[in-house]
Protein backbone atom coordinates (compact mmCIF):
# COMPACT_ATOMS: atom_id res chain seq x y z
CA MET A 1 -67.04 22.59 20.65
CA ARG A 2 -67.74 19.83 18.19
CA THR A 3 -64.86 18.13 16.44
CA MET A 4 -65.21 16.27 13.16
CA ARG A 5 -65.16 12.48 13.16
CA SER A 6 -61.65 11.15 12.59
CA ASN A 7 -61.08 9.37 9.32
CA HIS A 8 -58.31 7.24 7.93
CA LEU A 9 -58.16 9.49 4.86
CA THR A 10 -56.45 12.69 6.00
CA ARG A 11 -56.99 16.00 4.23
CA ARG A 12 -53.42 15.97 2.89
CA GLY A 13 -53.87 12.38 1.78
CA PHE A 14 -57.16 13.24 0.16
CA LEU A 15 -55.62 16.03 -1.87
CA ARG A 16 -52.76 13.77 -2.91
CA ASN A 17 -55.27 11.12 -3.98
CA SER A 18 -57.31 13.77 -5.80
CA VAL A 19 -54.29 14.75 -7.87
CA GLY A 20 -53.75 11.08 -8.57
CA ALA A 21 -57.38 10.77 -9.62
CA VAL A 22 -56.94 13.56 -12.17
CA ALA A 23 -53.72 12.06 -13.51
CA GLY A 24 -55.28 8.61 -13.62
CA ALA A 25 -58.49 9.60 -15.33
CA ALA A 26 -57.44 7.72 -18.46
CA MET A 27 -57.14 4.44 -16.54
CA ALA A 28 -59.72 1.88 -17.59
CA PRO A 29 -62.38 1.14 -14.98
CA THR A 30 -63.23 -2.37 -13.88
CA ILE A 31 -64.50 -4.31 -16.89
CA VAL A 32 -67.92 -5.94 -16.68
CA PRO A 33 -69.70 -8.02 -19.33
CA ALA A 34 -70.77 -5.94 -22.31
CA SER A 35 -74.23 -7.51 -22.07
CA VAL A 36 -74.87 -5.33 -19.05
CA PHE A 37 -74.56 -2.22 -21.22
CA GLY A 38 -76.17 -3.31 -24.46
CA ALA A 39 -74.23 -2.30 -27.55
CA ASP A 40 -72.09 0.25 -25.71
CA ALA A 41 -68.53 -0.94 -25.24
CA PRO A 42 -67.25 -0.77 -21.65
CA SER A 43 -64.51 1.65 -22.70
CA ASN A 44 -67.16 4.14 -23.84
CA ARG A 45 -69.33 4.11 -20.75
CA ILE A 46 -69.28 6.79 -18.07
CA THR A 47 -68.76 5.54 -14.53
CA VAL A 48 -70.84 7.37 -11.93
CA GLY A 49 -70.64 7.57 -8.15
CA MET A 50 -73.82 8.54 -6.26
CA ILE A 51 -73.32 10.74 -3.18
CA GLY A 52 -76.41 10.90 -0.96
CA MET A 53 -79.06 8.20 -1.34
CA GLY A 54 -82.17 9.80 0.19
CA ARG A 55 -85.61 10.13 -1.34
CA GLN A 56 -84.69 12.04 -4.51
CA ALA A 57 -81.68 9.86 -5.25
CA TYR A 58 -83.37 6.54 -4.53
CA TYR A 59 -86.63 7.14 -6.39
CA SER A 60 -85.37 9.28 -9.26
CA ASN A 61 -81.69 9.99 -9.76
CA VAL A 62 -80.16 6.52 -9.54
CA LYS A 63 -82.97 4.96 -11.60
CA THR A 64 -82.37 7.41 -14.43
CA PHE A 65 -78.65 6.68 -14.56
CA LEU A 66 -79.30 2.93 -14.36
CA GLY A 67 -81.49 3.29 -17.44
CA PHE A 68 -78.60 4.56 -19.58
CA SER A 69 -76.72 1.86 -21.50
CA ASP A 70 -73.63 4.08 -21.69
CA VAL A 71 -73.42 4.60 -17.91
CA GLN A 72 -72.46 2.35 -15.03
CA VAL A 73 -73.19 3.28 -11.42
CA VAL A 74 -70.12 1.88 -9.67
CA ALA A 75 -70.43 3.28 -6.14
CA VAL A 76 -73.00 4.69 -3.75
CA CYS A 77 -72.37 6.80 -0.67
CA ASP A 78 -74.56 7.78 2.27
CA VAL A 79 -74.10 8.47 5.98
CA ASP A 80 -77.22 6.38 6.70
CA ALA A 81 -76.37 2.66 6.56
CA TRP A 82 -80.00 1.61 5.87
CA ARG A 83 -80.22 3.89 2.84
CA LEU A 84 -76.76 2.83 1.72
CA GLN A 85 -77.62 -0.85 1.64
CA ASN A 86 -80.93 -0.20 -0.13
CA ALA A 87 -79.05 1.74 -2.80
CA ARG A 88 -76.48 -0.99 -3.33
CA LYS A 89 -79.24 -3.59 -3.59
CA ALA A 90 -81.10 -1.50 -6.18
CA VAL A 91 -77.97 -1.09 -8.31
CA ASP A 92 -76.91 -4.73 -8.07
CA GLU A 93 -80.39 -6.03 -8.86
CA HIS A 94 -80.66 -3.80 -11.90
CA TYR A 95 -77.36 -4.91 -13.41
CA ALA A 96 -78.02 -8.55 -12.50
CA LYS A 97 -80.89 -8.55 -14.98
CA GLY A 98 -78.34 -8.22 -17.78
CA GLN A 99 -76.38 -11.30 -16.75
CA ARG A 100 -77.28 -14.90 -17.44
CA SER A 101 -76.44 -15.85 -13.87
CA GLY A 102 -78.88 -13.32 -12.51
CA ALA A 103 -76.34 -12.24 -9.92
CA PHE A 104 -74.31 -9.04 -9.90
CA LYS A 105 -72.43 -7.68 -6.91
CA ASP A 106 -70.07 -5.00 -8.06
CA CYS A 107 -71.48 -1.74 -6.63
CA SER A 108 -69.21 -0.38 -3.92
CA VAL A 109 -70.51 1.38 -0.83
CA CYS A 110 -68.97 4.02 1.43
CA ARG A 111 -70.20 6.35 4.15
CA ASP A 112 -67.58 9.07 3.62
CA TYR A 113 -67.77 10.85 0.25
CA ARG A 114 -64.01 11.40 0.25
CA ASP A 115 -63.47 7.67 -0.15
CA LEU A 116 -65.62 7.76 -3.29
CA LEU A 117 -63.80 10.79 -4.70
CA ALA A 118 -60.43 9.10 -4.15
CA ARG A 119 -61.29 6.38 -6.66
CA ALA A 120 -59.58 6.83 -10.01
CA ASP A 121 -62.16 4.70 -11.84
CA ILE A 122 -65.05 7.14 -11.29
CA ASP A 123 -65.66 9.70 -14.03
CA ALA A 124 -68.56 11.65 -12.57
CA VAL A 125 -70.60 12.11 -9.42
CA MET A 126 -74.24 12.82 -8.68
CA ILE A 127 -74.64 14.85 -5.46
CA SER A 128 -78.09 14.38 -3.90
CA THR A 129 -77.40 15.39 -0.30
CA PRO A 130 -79.05 18.04 1.89
CA ASP A 131 -78.31 21.53 0.59
CA HIS A 132 -75.68 22.43 3.20
CA TRP A 133 -73.32 19.79 1.79
CA HIS A 134 -73.65 20.70 -1.92
CA VAL A 135 -70.82 23.20 -2.23
CA PRO A 136 -68.12 21.50 -0.11
CA MET A 137 -68.73 18.20 -1.90
CA ALA A 138 -68.89 19.73 -5.37
CA ILE A 139 -65.68 21.68 -4.85
CA ASP A 140 -63.88 18.62 -3.55
CA ALA A 141 -65.19 16.65 -6.52
CA ALA A 142 -63.85 19.26 -8.95
CA VAL A 143 -60.43 19.16 -7.28
CA ALA A 144 -60.52 15.36 -7.52
CA GLY A 145 -61.08 15.57 -11.28
CA LYS A 146 -64.71 14.45 -11.33
CA ASP A 147 -67.50 15.87 -13.45
CA ILE A 148 -70.47 16.87 -11.33
CA SER A 149 -74.24 16.79 -11.41
CA CYS A 150 -75.63 18.44 -8.29
CA GLU A 151 -79.16 18.75 -6.97
CA LYS A 152 -80.73 22.17 -6.78
CA PRO A 153 -80.68 24.56 -5.04
CA LEU A 154 -76.92 24.57 -5.36
CA THR A 155 -76.08 26.72 -2.35
CA LEU A 156 -77.14 28.21 0.97
CA CYS A 157 -75.70 31.64 0.21
CA ILE A 158 -74.61 33.79 -2.72
CA ALA A 159 -70.92 33.94 -1.79
CA GLU A 160 -70.42 30.18 -1.89
CA GLY A 161 -72.17 30.03 -5.25
CA ARG A 162 -69.51 32.30 -6.69
CA VAL A 163 -66.77 30.12 -5.20
CA LEU A 164 -68.39 27.01 -6.65
CA SER A 165 -68.77 28.40 -10.16
CA ASP A 166 -65.22 29.75 -10.22
CA THR A 167 -63.78 26.47 -8.93
CA VAL A 168 -65.61 24.36 -11.53
CA ARG A 169 -64.27 26.67 -14.23
CA ARG A 170 -60.74 26.61 -12.80
CA TYR A 171 -60.60 22.81 -12.83
CA ASN A 172 -62.34 22.57 -16.22
CA ARG A 173 -65.06 20.23 -15.03
CA VAL A 174 -68.42 19.51 -16.64
CA PHE A 175 -71.21 20.58 -14.29
CA ARG A 176 -74.99 20.16 -14.45
CA THR A 177 -77.41 21.82 -12.05
CA ASP A 178 -79.89 18.99 -11.58
CA SER A 179 -83.19 20.75 -12.17
CA GLU A 180 -85.44 19.01 -14.70
CA PHE A 181 -87.58 22.01 -15.64
CA ARG A 182 -85.56 22.88 -18.77
CA SER A 183 -86.34 19.31 -19.83
CA HIS A 184 -90.13 19.83 -19.81
CA ALA A 185 -91.46 20.70 -23.26
CA CYS A 186 -93.93 23.25 -21.89
CA PHE A 187 -91.17 25.40 -20.38
CA GLN A 188 -88.76 24.93 -23.27
CA ARG A 189 -91.38 25.93 -25.85
CA THR A 190 -92.53 28.90 -23.76
CA CYS A 191 -89.00 30.29 -23.52
CA GLU A 192 -88.42 29.76 -27.26
CA LEU A 193 -91.49 31.83 -28.11
CA VAL A 194 -90.56 34.59 -25.69
CA LEU A 195 -86.93 34.81 -26.83
CA ASN A 196 -88.11 34.99 -30.46
CA GLY A 197 -90.39 37.95 -29.77
CA ARG A 198 -93.75 36.23 -30.18
CA ILE A 199 -95.22 38.24 -27.28
CA GLY A 200 -93.54 41.47 -28.40
CA LYS A 201 -91.19 43.23 -26.02
CA LEU A 202 -91.07 41.41 -22.70
CA HIS A 203 -91.78 43.64 -19.71
CA THR A 204 -93.07 41.43 -16.85
CA ILE A 205 -92.46 37.90 -15.57
CA ARG A 206 -94.48 36.18 -12.86
CA THR A 207 -93.38 33.00 -11.10
CA GLY A 208 -94.93 31.05 -8.26
CA VAL A 209 -94.12 28.13 -6.01
CA PRO A 210 -96.28 26.00 -3.70
CA ALA A 211 -96.64 26.90 -0.05
CA GLY A 212 -94.21 25.38 2.41
CA ASP A 213 -94.96 23.41 5.56
CA VAL A 214 -96.15 24.84 8.85
CA ALA A 215 -93.67 24.75 11.70
CA GLY A 216 -93.23 21.39 13.40
CA PRO A 217 -93.14 21.20 17.20
CA LEU A 218 -89.91 21.64 19.11
CA GLU A 219 -88.26 18.35 20.03
CA SER A 220 -85.90 17.43 22.83
CA ALA A 221 -82.56 15.87 21.93
CA MET A 222 -82.90 12.23 20.88
CA PRO A 223 -80.50 9.31 20.66
CA VAL A 224 -78.91 9.14 17.23
CA PRO A 225 -80.16 6.12 15.25
CA GLU A 226 -77.54 3.40 15.08
CA GLU A 227 -77.46 3.45 11.27
CA LEU A 228 -76.76 7.22 11.03
CA ASP A 229 -73.35 8.90 11.21
CA TYR A 230 -74.79 12.15 12.52
CA GLU A 231 -71.46 13.97 12.83
CA LEU A 232 -70.81 13.38 9.14
CA TRP A 233 -74.41 14.28 8.27
CA LEU A 234 -73.92 17.69 9.96
CA GLY A 235 -70.55 18.27 8.28
CA PRO A 236 -70.23 22.02 7.54
CA ALA A 237 -73.38 22.96 9.48
CA PRO A 238 -73.27 24.29 13.07
CA TRP A 239 -73.52 21.58 15.69
CA ALA A 240 -77.03 20.83 16.94
CA PRO A 241 -78.44 17.98 19.03
CA TYR A 242 -80.05 15.25 16.95
CA THR A 243 -83.81 15.36 16.50
CA GLU A 244 -85.69 13.31 13.94
CA LYS A 245 -87.69 16.23 12.51
CA ALA A 246 -84.50 18.20 11.81
CA VAL A 247 -82.91 15.35 9.83
CA HIS A 248 -85.03 12.57 8.32
CA PRO A 249 -87.20 9.78 9.74
CA PRO A 250 -85.32 6.49 10.22
CA HIS A 251 -85.99 3.71 7.71
CA SER A 252 -88.12 5.97 5.53
CA TYR A 253 -88.00 8.02 2.34
CA SER A 254 -90.77 10.41 3.37
CA ARG A 255 -90.30 14.17 3.11
CA PRO A 256 -87.37 15.05 5.40
CA GLY A 257 -87.43 17.68 8.12
CA TRP A 258 -84.06 19.19 7.16
CA MET A 259 -85.80 20.97 4.27
CA ARG A 260 -87.41 23.32 6.83
CA VAL A 261 -84.30 24.10 8.93
CA ARG A 262 -82.24 27.06 7.72
CA ASP A 263 -78.86 25.61 8.65
CA TYR A 264 -79.53 22.95 6.00
CA CYS A 265 -82.02 24.51 3.54
CA GLU A 266 -83.78 27.82 2.89
CA GLY A 267 -87.16 26.22 2.25
CA MET A 268 -89.46 26.80 -0.70
CA VAL A 269 -87.97 30.19 -1.60
CA THR A 270 -84.94 28.38 -3.06
CA ASN A 271 -86.14 24.78 -3.18
CA TRP A 272 -88.90 25.22 -5.77
CA GLY A 273 -87.69 28.70 -6.65
CA ALA A 274 -84.61 27.13 -8.21
CA HIS A 275 -86.96 25.43 -10.68
CA LEU A 276 -89.36 28.18 -11.67
CA ASN A 277 -86.94 31.11 -11.53
CA ASP A 278 -84.53 29.14 -13.68
CA ILE A 279 -87.17 29.24 -16.40
CA ALA A 280 -87.73 32.97 -15.79
CA GLN A 281 -84.00 33.60 -16.21
CA TRP A 282 -83.88 31.40 -19.33
CA GLY A 283 -86.77 33.17 -21.04
CA ASN A 284 -85.42 36.59 -20.09
CA GLY A 285 -81.98 35.78 -21.50
CA THR A 286 -80.42 36.62 -18.12
CA ASP A 287 -79.36 33.21 -16.83
CA ARG A 288 -75.72 34.32 -16.46
CA THR A 289 -76.43 37.56 -14.66
CA GLY A 290 -79.02 38.92 -12.25
CA PRO A 291 -81.36 41.79 -11.40
CA VAL A 292 -80.36 45.30 -10.38
CA GLU A 293 -83.08 45.90 -7.78
CA VAL A 294 -84.98 43.70 -5.33
CA GLU A 295 -87.53 44.08 -2.58
CA GLY A 296 -89.76 41.67 -0.70
CA THR A 297 -91.88 40.75 2.27
CA GLY A 298 -92.44 37.43 3.97
CA GLU A 299 -93.65 35.59 7.05
CA TYR A 300 -91.64 33.20 9.19
CA PRO A 301 -93.01 30.76 11.78
CA ARG A 302 -93.35 32.29 15.25
CA ASP A 303 -92.50 29.07 17.09
CA GLY A 304 -91.63 25.45 16.48
CA LEU A 305 -88.63 23.64 15.08
CA TRP A 306 -89.02 24.55 11.42
CA GLU A 307 -87.99 28.10 10.58
CA VAL A 308 -88.18 28.67 6.82
CA LEU A 309 -90.54 31.15 5.18
CA LEU A 310 -94.23 30.29 5.27
CA SER A 311 -95.16 32.92 2.68
CA PHE A 312 -93.40 35.63 0.68
CA GLU A 313 -93.74 38.12 -2.16
CA THR A 314 -90.69 39.51 -3.94
CA GLU A 315 -90.15 41.85 -6.88
CA TYR A 316 -87.04 42.29 -9.01
CA LYS A 317 -86.02 44.72 -11.71
CA TYR A 318 -83.47 43.87 -14.42
CA ALA A 319 -81.19 46.21 -16.34
CA ASN A 320 -83.31 45.58 -19.45
CA GLY A 321 -86.35 47.00 -17.62
CA VAL A 322 -88.09 43.65 -17.11
CA ARG A 323 -89.75 43.15 -13.73
CA LEU A 324 -90.08 39.75 -12.07
CA HIS A 325 -92.78 39.07 -9.46
CA TYR A 326 -92.09 35.92 -7.42
CA GLY A 327 -94.09 34.50 -4.55
CA ILE A 328 -96.11 31.69 -3.01
CA SER A 329 -99.02 30.61 -5.19
CA ARG A 330 -98.72 27.67 -7.62
CA PRO A 331 -95.82 26.38 -9.73
CA TYR A 332 -95.97 28.39 -12.96
CA VAL A 333 -94.10 30.91 -15.10
CA ARG A 334 -95.86 33.69 -17.02
CA PHE A 335 -94.20 36.08 -19.47
CA GLU A 336 -96.03 39.31 -20.41
CA GLY A 337 -95.09 41.45 -23.40
CA THR A 338 -96.36 44.32 -25.50
CA ASP A 339 -98.16 41.93 -27.89
CA GLY A 340 -99.56 39.36 -25.46
CA TRP A 341 -98.65 36.87 -22.77
CA ILE A 342 -97.73 33.21 -22.45
CA GLU A 343 -97.84 30.96 -19.39
CA ALA A 344 -96.50 27.46 -18.62
CA ASP A 345 -98.01 25.53 -15.71
CA TYR A 346 -96.00 22.78 -14.01
CA SER A 347 -98.98 20.87 -12.62
CA THR A 348 -100.69 20.45 -15.98
CA ARG A 349 -97.55 20.70 -18.17
CA LYS A 350 -99.64 22.86 -20.49
CA ILE A 351 -99.10 26.25 -22.11
CA LYS A 352 -101.70 28.93 -22.60
CA ALA A 353 -101.39 32.33 -24.26
CA GLN A 354 -103.28 35.40 -25.26
CA PRO A 355 -103.77 35.76 -28.12
CA GLU A 356 -103.87 31.99 -28.68
CA SER A 357 -102.22 32.44 -32.07
CA ILE A 358 -98.91 32.87 -30.21
CA LEU A 359 -98.86 29.11 -29.58
CA SER A 360 -99.04 28.21 -33.27
CA ALA A 361 -96.46 30.72 -34.44
CA PRO A 362 -93.80 28.75 -36.33
CA LEU A 363 -90.11 29.31 -35.81
CA GLY A 364 -88.14 30.61 -38.76
CA PRO A 365 -84.73 29.35 -39.91
CA ASN A 366 -82.93 32.17 -38.11
CA ASP A 367 -84.91 31.97 -34.86
CA ILE A 368 -83.48 30.87 -31.54
CA ARG A 369 -84.05 27.18 -30.92
CA LEU A 370 -83.58 25.78 -27.43
CA PRO A 371 -82.53 22.15 -27.00
CA LEU A 372 -84.85 19.70 -25.28
CA LYS A 373 -83.35 16.72 -23.46
CA GLY A 374 -83.42 15.16 -20.02
CA GLU A 375 -81.16 16.78 -17.46
CA LYS A 376 -79.14 13.62 -16.81
CA ARG A 377 -78.86 12.84 -20.51
CA ASP A 378 -77.64 16.41 -20.96
CA PHE A 379 -75.02 15.81 -18.27
CA ILE A 380 -73.74 12.50 -19.63
CA ASP A 381 -73.57 13.83 -23.20
CA ALA A 382 -71.50 16.80 -22.00
CA VAL A 383 -69.19 14.51 -20.04
CA LYS A 384 -68.52 12.62 -23.26
CA THR A 385 -68.04 15.66 -25.50
CA ARG A 386 -66.53 17.97 -22.84
CA GLY A 387 -69.19 20.46 -23.88
CA GLN A 388 -71.39 22.77 -21.85
CA THR A 389 -74.60 21.62 -20.20
CA LEU A 390 -77.90 23.50 -20.39
CA ALA A 391 -77.52 24.59 -16.75
CA ASP A 392 -73.90 24.68 -15.69
CA ALA A 393 -72.54 25.94 -12.37
CA GLU A 394 -72.79 29.62 -13.35
CA VAL A 395 -76.40 29.25 -14.47
CA GLY A 396 -77.29 27.29 -11.34
CA HIS A 397 -75.56 29.87 -9.13
CA ARG A 398 -77.36 32.78 -10.78
CA THR A 399 -80.75 31.10 -10.44
CA THR A 400 -80.18 30.21 -6.79
CA SER A 401 -78.78 33.65 -6.01
CA LEU A 402 -81.87 35.26 -7.56
CA CYS A 403 -83.99 33.45 -4.97
CA GLN A 404 -81.52 34.33 -2.21
CA LEU A 405 -81.60 38.02 -3.15
CA GLY A 406 -85.32 37.99 -2.48
CA HIS A 407 -84.76 36.21 0.82
CA ILE A 408 -82.18 38.82 1.87
CA ALA A 409 -84.53 41.65 0.92
CA ILE A 410 -87.22 40.11 3.12
CA GLN A 411 -84.83 40.00 6.07
CA VAL A 412 -83.40 43.50 5.61
CA GLY A 413 -86.52 45.31 4.39
CA GLY A 414 -86.91 48.05 1.79
CA LYS A 415 -85.73 48.22 -1.81
CA LEU A 416 -82.14 47.12 -2.39
CA ARG A 417 -79.86 47.86 -5.32
CA TRP A 418 -77.76 44.97 -6.60
CA ASP A 419 -74.65 44.94 -8.79
CA PRO A 420 -74.82 41.61 -10.68
CA VAL A 421 -71.20 41.93 -11.85
CA ALA A 422 -69.59 42.58 -8.46
CA GLU A 423 -72.34 40.53 -6.76
CA ARG A 424 -72.70 43.10 -4.00
CA PHE A 425 -75.44 45.40 -2.78
CA THR A 426 -74.51 48.99 -3.53
CA ASP A 427 -76.66 50.59 -0.83
CA SER A 428 -76.81 48.24 2.18
CA GLU A 429 -74.00 46.80 4.25
CA ALA A 430 -76.60 45.00 6.33
CA ALA A 431 -77.64 43.13 3.19
CA ASN A 432 -74.02 42.47 2.20
CA ARG A 433 -73.44 40.77 5.55
CA LEU A 434 -76.02 38.17 4.51
CA LEU A 435 -74.19 37.18 1.32
CA GLY A 436 -72.08 34.52 2.98
CA ARG A 437 -72.05 31.89 5.66
CA PRO A 438 -69.14 30.12 7.35
CA ILE A 439 -68.19 26.90 5.58
CA ARG A 440 -66.97 24.99 8.58
CA SER A 441 -65.89 21.75 6.94
CA PRO A 442 -62.12 21.22 7.42
CA TRP A 443 -62.13 19.43 4.05
CA HIS A 444 -63.31 22.48 2.10
CA LEU A 445 -60.52 24.36 0.29
């Protein structure tokens, strides 16, 4: 039986430090020259710790935060030492540009996320790890008094999504589900027109995602790369021997294999589904609830290492009578109503409608108007105002659980009835047994 790597920061000590972090939130962080942050005074900036420095974090997430004059990235964390040092270098080089000396070495590094959470000078965290770590880390961050932006999909099962949302609410933390689709004008405008009745009464939604990868070959156990703390990478997941295609290739930011292994990710059904179905929920006005019926079919690989769905078709029915059809095709959202339809395509970022006059319909003074801002700007603004983000933990949980309901229906078969308030199936105990998974991390509350 696998035991977790020992660490100098015990669970009791971590909790004690977390309480201290909450109490010490008003303490001023380390002061750096104001020239680094433009006109924003150091006391007004938000200090951010980055947890997980893989492809998405390195190429996108950290660069966006570094571009904000009212934010300082003060720490980076990863279980891969090569990625960790690359992240520190990127942060230090960026901030060095704002100093006359051209040198800046103030970004801290750590391999254990608990060390980052124990710091009282960090206001918020960005979690960009594999999916199986999202909930334990986000819950621990909430307990430690940190505001949280977390990559989608938030969870690996519906039950832990409920725990996450309730915990964030209990500790009064700002939370942003880090999907950028509400920040694309094509999706925002489409949902505005639907919510304001420009297509008449909505009755059908269609969403699609790209096809996933074919199964990779089985691999024998391999030596763990020297730079990787594999025990900490596994964390709450069941123990498995290390293989490169189940984790990520060493010294690379190419597409990682863990995205096709169900102990770490559910594949495209939630990965891209968390983007497109978030827009479906937004336009339907149901992003804090869920459907009442679901059914689906799908195909899994018959052999090989990767085990996520290769193809699927799912159908949902909502209490308002709207039906959602979701499956493998292309990344788009289409809303159909009694007076026409409107569709937003991710690849082209364009909207089309029938009749075309729908697109030029102006909004009146009493119409619903949806905000349009970048997801990380949305997060930082909410941290400052203590307001609500466009996609908080409840919204992110409901979007992810929508995808997971379809996945459960594929596994169980037949039409299932769902109670979105109790978050239980009313007609299938077999389906209810798939609502949760063991969270094995000894650090998870």
